[in-house]
C-alpha cells in the first residue's frame, strides 16, 4: 500500500442518534431504540484537507451530497455494541481515504507480450476474413 496520512477522529464531531432497528426481534423491536445512526460532517471536521477531499470525492452511498457521512449500525441487540460498530466502520472509512495509492511506475511491455498481442490480432483478422461470401 501507499503512504498513510495521520488523522484523529474527535468525539465532539460525531453525532450518535438512537433509532429503532429493522427486521425481526419480537416485541422488543417495537419498544427499544437500539440501532444507531452515526453522522459525521466531513467539511466541519478537523481532518486534514487531503483526507477531506478524498472522502468527498469518493463515490460512496454513505456520504451525502452535503458532505455528511451517515452510518447505520443495527447488527447487535445492544445500543453500545451498535455504537462501537458504527464508530469502527467510520474509522475504517476514514482510514481507507487516508491511505494514498501507490504511484504507478510505467513499465515497457515485454517482447513476448508484444508478440502475443500481434499474433492474437492476426488470428482475429483471419477469422473475420473467413466471414466473407463463399465463392467457388
Protein backbone atom coordinates (compact mmCIF):
# COMPACT_ATOMS: atom_id res chain seq x y z
CA UNK A 1 0.00 0.00 0.00
CA UNK A 2 0.93 3.63 -0.22
CA UNK A 3 1.67 6.30 2.33
CA UNK A 4 -0.75 6.93 5.22
CA UNK A 5 -1.82 10.40 6.33
CA UNK A 6 -2.15 10.59 10.14
CA UNK A 7 -5.61 11.60 11.38
CA UNK A 8 -7.66 11.80 14.55
CA UNK A 9 -11.43 11.39 14.85
CA UNK A 10 -12.72 13.70 17.57
CA UNK A 11 -15.66 12.52 19.69
CA UNK A 12 -17.27 16.00 19.68
CA UNK A 13 -17.53 15.94 15.85
CA UNK A 14 -19.51 12.68 15.78
CA UNK A 15 -23.27 12.69 16.39
CA UNK A 16 -25.00 9.48 17.52
CA UNK A 17 -28.75 9.04 17.30
CA UNK A 18 -30.60 6.02 18.69
CA UNK A 19 -33.27 4.70 16.30
CA UNK A 20 -35.41 1.60 16.14
CA UNK A 21 -33.80 -1.34 14.38
CA UNK A 22 -35.40 -3.06 11.39
CA UNK A 23 -36.08 -6.73 10.93
CA UNK A 24 -37.21 -9.49 13.28
CA UNK A 25 -36.87 -9.15 17.01
CA UNK A 26 -40.23 -9.90 18.58
CA UNK A 27 -41.97 -7.41 20.83
CA UNK A 28 -38.70 -5.77 21.84
CA UNK A 29 -38.03 -4.37 18.34
CA UNK A 30 -41.08 -2.09 18.58
CA UNK A 31 -40.25 -0.73 22.04
CA UNK A 32 -36.49 -0.24 22.26
CA UNK A 33 -34.31 2.02 20.11
CA UNK A 34 -31.08 0.05 19.90
CA UNK A 35 -29.90 0.79 16.35
CA UNK A 36 -27.54 3.73 15.87
CA UNK A 37 -27.31 6.44 13.22
CA UNK A 38 -23.83 7.95 13.21
CA UNK A 39 -23.41 11.32 11.49
CA UNK A 40 -20.05 12.88 10.73
CA UNK A 41 -19.79 16.20 8.87
CA UNK A 42 -16.66 15.98 6.73
CA UNK A 43 -16.41 19.69 5.92
CA UNK A 44 -16.83 20.81 9.56
CA UNK A 45 -14.35 18.25 10.91
CA UNK A 46 -10.72 18.85 11.84
CA UNK A 47 -9.41 16.18 9.48
CA UNK A 48 -6.50 17.08 7.18
CA UNK A 49 -7.66 18.72 3.94
CA UNK A 50 -6.27 15.86 1.83
CA UNK A 51 -8.45 13.31 3.64
CA UNK A 52 -11.50 15.59 3.44
CA UNK A 53 -11.06 15.93 -0.33
CA UNK A 54 -10.65 12.18 -0.79
CA UNK A 55 -13.74 11.42 1.33
CA UNK A 56 -15.88 13.97 -0.55
CA UNK A 57 -14.68 12.71 -3.94
CA UNK A 58 -15.48 9.13 -3.01
CA UNK A 59 -18.46 7.55 -4.78
CA UNK A 60 -19.95 6.12 -1.61
CA UNK A 61 -23.65 5.96 -0.74
CA UNK A 62 -22.82 6.66 2.92
CA UNK A 63 -21.56 10.16 2.00
CA UNK A 64 -24.49 12.53 1.40
CA UNK A 65 -24.49 15.41 -1.07
CA UNK A 66 -23.91 17.84 1.80
CA UNK A 67 -20.72 16.01 2.78
CA UNK A 68 -22.11 14.18 5.81
CA UNK A 69 -21.22 10.54 6.42
CA UNK A 70 -24.26 8.60 7.69
CA UNK A 71 -23.68 5.09 9.04
CA UNK A 72 -26.48 2.91 10.41
CA UNK A 73 -25.49 0.07 12.72
CA UNK A 74 -28.15 -2.42 13.82
CA UNK A 75 -26.31 -5.74 13.87
CA UNK A 76 -26.30 -6.18 17.63
CA UNK A 77 -29.12 -6.10 20.19
CA UNK A 78 -27.17 -3.73 22.43
CA UNK A 79 -27.08 0.01 21.77
CA UNK A 80 -23.46 0.24 22.97
CA UNK A 81 -22.29 -2.57 20.68
CA UNK A 82 -24.01 -0.92 17.70
CA UNK A 83 -22.42 2.39 18.66
CA UNK A 84 -18.96 0.79 18.78
CA UNK A 85 -19.55 -0.93 15.42
CA UNK A 86 -20.64 2.33 13.77
CA UNK A 87 -17.56 4.07 15.14
CA UNK A 88 -15.32 1.26 13.85
CA UNK A 89 -16.90 1.50 10.40
CA UNK A 90 -16.38 5.27 10.34
CA UNK A 91 -12.74 4.79 11.36
CA UNK A 92 -12.25 2.20 8.59
CA UNK A 93 -13.80 4.54 6.00
CA UNK A 94 -11.56 7.45 7.00
CA UNK A 95 -8.50 5.18 7.21
CA UNK A 96 -9.16 3.98 3.65
CA UNK A 97 -9.26 7.62 2.49
CA UNK A 98 -6.09 8.39 4.46
CA UNK A 99 -4.12 5.71 2.62
CA UNK A 100 -2.72 7.24 -0.54
CA UNK A 101 -2.50 4.91 -3.54
CA UNK A 102 0.98 3.94 -4.56
CA UNK A 103 2.14 5.80 -7.66
CA UNK A 104 2.28 3.59 -10.72
CA UNK A 105 5.67 3.43 -12.36
CA UNK A 106 5.20 2.94 -16.09
CA UNK A 107 6.90 -0.15 -17.50
CA UNK A 108 7.57 -1.22 -21.05
CA UNK A 109 5.77 -4.28 -22.41
CA UNK A 110 7.94 -7.36 -22.78
CA UNK A 111 8.87 -8.65 -26.23
CA UNK A 112 6.87 -11.84 -25.62
CA UNK A 113 3.73 -9.89 -24.67
CA UNK A 114 4.08 -7.72 -27.79
CA UNK A 115 4.36 -10.85 -29.96
CA UNK A 116 1.33 -12.46 -28.27
CA UNK A 117 -0.68 -9.30 -28.92
CA UNK A 118 0.24 -9.18 -32.61
CA UNK A 119 -0.44 -12.93 -33.06
CA UNK A 120 -3.89 -12.62 -31.47
CA UNK A 121 -4.68 -9.67 -33.75
CA UNK A 122 -3.59 -11.70 -36.78
CA UNK A 123 -5.78 -14.66 -35.70
CA UNK A 124 -8.75 -12.38 -35.17
CA UNK A 125 -8.21 -10.82 -38.60
CA UNK A 126 -8.14 -14.27 -40.23
CA UNK A 127 -11.41 -15.23 -38.51
CA UNK A 128 -13.05 -12.07 -39.81
CA UNK A 129 -11.64 -12.60 -43.31
CA UNK A 130 -13.29 -16.05 -43.44
CA UNK A 131 -16.71 -14.49 -42.80
CA UNK A 132 -16.96 -13.18 -46.35
CA UNK A 133 -19.02 -14.60 -49.16
CA UNK A 134 -18.25 -18.15 -50.21
CA UNK A 135 -17.10 -18.35 -53.85
CA UNK A 136 -16.23 -21.38 -55.94
